[in-house]
Protein backbone atom coordinates (compact mmCIF):
# COMPACT_ATOMS: atom_id res chain seq x y z
CA ARG A 1 11.13 -25.58 17.72
CA PRO A 2 11.46 -22.26 19.48
CA GLY A 3 11.76 -19.14 17.36
CA GLU A 4 15.13 -17.47 16.89
CA LEU A 5 15.02 -13.71 17.45
CA VAL A 6 17.28 -11.30 15.56
CA PRO A 7 17.59 -7.48 15.54
CA PHE A 8 15.63 -5.35 13.10
CA PRO A 9 17.30 -5.15 9.66
CA ALA A 10 19.52 -2.09 9.30
CA ALA A 11 17.52 -1.00 6.23
CA LEU A 12 14.21 -0.91 8.15
CA SER A 13 12.61 2.54 8.09
CA PRO A 14 12.68 4.47 11.39
CA ARG A 15 8.91 4.97 11.08
CA LEU A 16 8.31 1.21 10.85
CA ARG A 17 10.70 0.64 13.78
CA GLU A 18 8.65 3.08 15.86
CA VAL A 19 5.37 1.38 14.94
CA LEU A 20 6.76 -2.07 15.77
CA THR A 21 8.29 -0.90 19.04
CA ALA A 22 5.04 0.82 20.05
CA SER A 23 3.29 -2.51 19.40
CA GLY A 24 5.71 -4.31 21.72
CA ILE A 25 7.82 -5.84 18.94
CA ARG A 26 11.51 -5.21 19.59
CA SER A 27 13.05 -7.84 17.30
CA LEU A 28 12.10 -10.12 14.43
CA TYR A 29 12.09 -13.87 14.05
CA SER A 30 14.94 -15.10 11.89
CA HIS A 31 12.53 -16.14 9.09
CA GLN A 32 11.07 -12.61 9.07
CA ALA A 33 14.53 -11.07 8.72
CA GLU A 34 15.46 -13.55 5.96
CA ALA A 35 12.25 -12.74 4.08
CA PHE A 36 12.94 -9.01 4.51
CA GLU A 37 16.37 -9.40 2.92
CA ALA A 38 15.14 -11.60 0.05
CA ILE A 39 12.15 -9.41 -0.83
CA THR A 40 14.23 -6.22 -0.50
CA ALA A 41 16.72 -7.78 -2.95
CA GLY A 42 13.87 -8.25 -5.47
CA GLN A 43 13.69 -12.03 -5.22
CA ASP A 44 10.50 -14.04 -5.57
CA THR A 45 10.09 -15.50 -2.08
CA VAL A 46 8.16 -18.41 -0.57
CA LEU A 47 7.81 -18.52 3.20
CA VAL A 48 6.70 -21.66 5.01
CA SER A 49 6.15 -21.34 8.73
CA GLN A 50 3.63 -22.47 11.30
CA THR A 51 0.43 -20.60 12.13
CA ALA A 52 0.87 -17.39 14.15
CA SER A 53 4.62 -17.21 13.45
CA GLY A 54 4.53 -13.74 11.91
CA LYS A 55 4.29 -14.51 8.20
CA THR A 56 2.21 -11.38 7.57
CA LEU A 57 4.95 -9.11 8.93
CA SER A 58 7.46 -11.10 6.89
CA PHE A 59 6.04 -9.80 3.63
CA LEU A 60 4.51 -6.52 4.79
CA LEU A 61 7.64 -5.02 6.33
CA PRO A 62 9.83 -5.08 3.20
CA ILE A 63 6.94 -3.93 0.99
CA LEU A 64 5.96 -1.05 3.28
CA ASN A 65 9.63 -0.21 3.83
CA GLU A 66 10.08 0.28 0.09
CA TYR A 67 6.73 2.03 -0.29
CA ILE A 68 7.58 4.67 2.35
CA ASP A 69 10.69 5.80 0.47
CA ALA A 70 9.52 5.18 -3.11
CA PRO A 71 9.72 8.21 -5.40
CA ALA A 72 6.27 7.29 -6.77
CA PRO A 73 3.57 4.99 -5.36
CA PHE A 74 3.55 1.45 -6.69
CA GLY A 75 0.90 -1.27 -6.68
CA VAL A 76 0.62 -4.30 -4.43
CA LEU A 77 -1.86 -7.11 -5.12
CA LEU A 78 -2.63 -9.31 -2.12
CA MET A 79 -4.41 -12.60 -2.86
CA TYR A 80 -6.32 -14.51 -0.19
CA PRO A 81 -8.37 -17.68 -0.72
CA THR A 82 -11.22 -16.70 1.65
CA LYS A 83 -13.12 -13.50 2.36
CA ALA A 84 -12.77 -13.93 6.12
CA LEU A 85 -8.99 -14.07 5.87
CA SER A 86 -8.86 -11.13 3.46
CA ARG A 87 -11.02 -8.95 5.74
CA ASP A 88 -8.82 -9.82 8.73
CA GLN A 89 -5.68 -8.93 6.76
CA GLU A 90 -7.27 -5.70 5.52
CA SER A 91 -7.67 -4.62 9.13
CA THR A 92 -4.07 -5.53 10.03
CA LEU A 93 -2.58 -3.89 6.94
CA GLY A 94 -4.79 -0.82 7.31
CA ARG A 95 -3.64 -0.23 10.90
CA LEU A 96 0.02 -0.66 9.96
CA MET A 97 -0.27 1.66 6.95
CA GLN A 98 -2.09 4.30 8.99
CA ALA A 99 0.48 4.17 11.80
CA ALA A 100 3.57 4.12 9.57
CA MET A 101 2.52 6.41 6.75
CA ASN A 102 -0.70 8.13 7.80
CA SER A 103 -2.14 6.63 4.61
CA HIS A 104 -4.90 4.20 3.82
CA ARG A 105 -4.59 3.64 0.06
CA LEU A 106 -5.99 0.16 0.53
CA GLY A 107 -9.09 -1.58 -0.73
CA THR A 108 -10.68 -5.00 -0.90
CA PHE A 109 -11.97 -5.93 -4.35
CA ASP A 110 -14.20 -8.98 -4.04
CA GLY A 111 -17.77 -10.06 -4.75
CA ASP A 112 -19.07 -8.10 -1.73
CA THR A 113 -17.48 -4.79 -2.76
CA PRO A 114 -20.18 -2.27 -3.78
CA ARG A 115 -19.92 -0.86 -7.31
CA GLU A 116 -19.10 2.72 -6.23
CA GLU A 117 -16.37 1.46 -3.92
CA ARG A 118 -14.93 -0.63 -6.77
CA LEU A 119 -14.48 2.53 -8.83
CA ASN A 120 -12.67 4.26 -5.95
CA ILE A 121 -10.39 1.25 -5.48
CA GLN A 122 -9.55 1.17 -9.19
CA ARG A 123 -8.67 4.87 -9.15
CA GLN A 124 -7.01 5.34 -5.76
CA ALA A 125 -5.78 2.17 -4.07
CA ASP A 126 -2.13 1.17 -4.12
CA PHE A 127 -2.74 -1.99 -2.05
CA ILE A 128 -5.56 -4.18 -3.36
CA ILE A 129 -6.79 -7.27 -1.55
CA THR A 130 -8.62 -9.77 -3.74
CA ASN A 131 -8.97 -13.46 -4.58
CA PRO A 132 -8.26 -15.57 -7.68
CA ASP A 133 -11.89 -15.48 -8.84
CA MET A 134 -12.05 -11.67 -8.86
CA LEU A 135 -8.63 -11.47 -10.48
CA HIS A 136 -9.91 -13.77 -13.26
CA ALA A 137 -13.41 -12.31 -13.67
CA GLY A 138 -13.15 -8.70 -12.50
CA ILE A 139 -9.61 -7.42 -13.03
CA LEU A 140 -7.99 -9.20 -15.97
CA PRO A 141 -10.88 -8.86 -18.46
CA ASN A 142 -10.91 -5.11 -17.77
CA HIS A 143 -7.15 -4.60 -17.62
CA ASN A 144 -7.03 -2.10 -20.48
CA ARG A 145 -9.94 0.05 -19.31
CA HIS A 146 -10.16 0.16 -15.53
CA TRP A 147 -6.96 -1.46 -14.27
CA LYS A 148 -4.26 -0.17 -16.61
CA ALA A 149 -2.88 2.43 -14.15
CA PHE A 150 -2.68 -0.07 -11.29
CA LEU A 151 -1.24 -2.92 -13.35
CA SER A 152 1.36 -0.67 -15.00
CA ARG A 153 2.86 0.07 -11.57
CA LEU A 154 2.29 -3.34 -9.96
CA ARG A 155 5.44 -4.16 -7.97
CA TYR A 156 4.40 -7.02 -5.66
CA ILE A 157 1.96 -9.92 -5.77
CA VAL A 158 1.40 -11.59 -2.40
CA ILE A 159 -0.27 -15.01 -2.42
CA ASP A 160 -1.27 -16.02 1.08
CA GLU A 161 -2.10 -19.62 1.96
CA VAL A 162 -0.36 -20.78 -1.22
CA HIS A 163 -0.69 -24.42 -0.09
CA SER A 164 -4.46 -24.21 -0.65
CA TYR A 165 -3.96 -23.87 -4.43
CA ARG A 166 -3.45 -27.48 -5.45
CA GLY A 167 -5.03 -30.10 -7.69
CA ALA A 168 -7.32 -28.95 -10.51
CA PHE A 169 -8.08 -25.70 -8.67
CA GLY A 170 -4.35 -25.04 -8.25
CA SER A 171 -3.67 -25.54 -11.94
CA HIS A 172 -6.52 -23.15 -12.82
CA VAL A 173 -5.11 -20.52 -10.45
CA ALA A 174 -1.62 -21.02 -11.91
CA ASN A 175 -3.02 -20.22 -15.35
CA VAL A 176 -4.72 -17.10 -13.97
CA PHE A 177 -1.33 -15.99 -12.59
CA ARG A 178 0.34 -16.67 -15.95
CA ARG A 179 -2.34 -14.53 -17.57
CA LEU A 180 -1.74 -11.81 -14.97
CA LEU A 181 1.98 -11.79 -15.74
CA ARG A 182 1.31 -11.51 -19.50
CA VAL A 183 -1.04 -8.57 -18.87
CA CYS A 184 1.52 -6.92 -16.56
CA GLU A 185 4.14 -7.25 -19.27
CA VAL A 186 1.80 -5.55 -21.75
CA HIS A 187 1.51 -2.65 -19.28
CA GLY A 188 5.26 -2.56 -18.56
CA SER A 189 5.45 -4.03 -15.06
CA HIS A 190 7.35 -7.06 -13.82
CA PRO A 191 6.05 -7.81 -10.32
CA ILE A 192 7.78 -9.85 -7.66
CA PHE A 193 5.91 -12.73 -6.01
């Protein structure tokens, strides 16, 4: 069915409005506005919509909106099932962050990330793109040494392509997320999915 367009949410930062308008976006789809309201209200949110319907903006806008005005930087963990998708999203998120905040505190932590870059990501990134395998093998076992600062301020966990986590693989990933939440609790954070 055709998309239903609605005005930008009243709470949307003027900087993000400018970036969207400069990109030719003058309104949001109704599902984007609904996601903005739910995420802004601190609710765990699942969004189901067809390909190329603006799901990325649906979760990025409320997160970046809060990040711009936050008194202190917080952490965002973005999970993608494939490297190709994560690299594409890194480019999109990086451009939006640079335009809206003149910041690029973003890094991709996966099997292809060089060791020296991993250390910089652990120390400096607020937005970390990864996958379930690296979360399980690279982040969680080292949560008390290298990831404590990030995990203690983790505010959002974004799981893209959630439908791909099903069957035995899905139950394994669910257990990794349960483990992540237990570790976050140890470090004092209670992230929103």
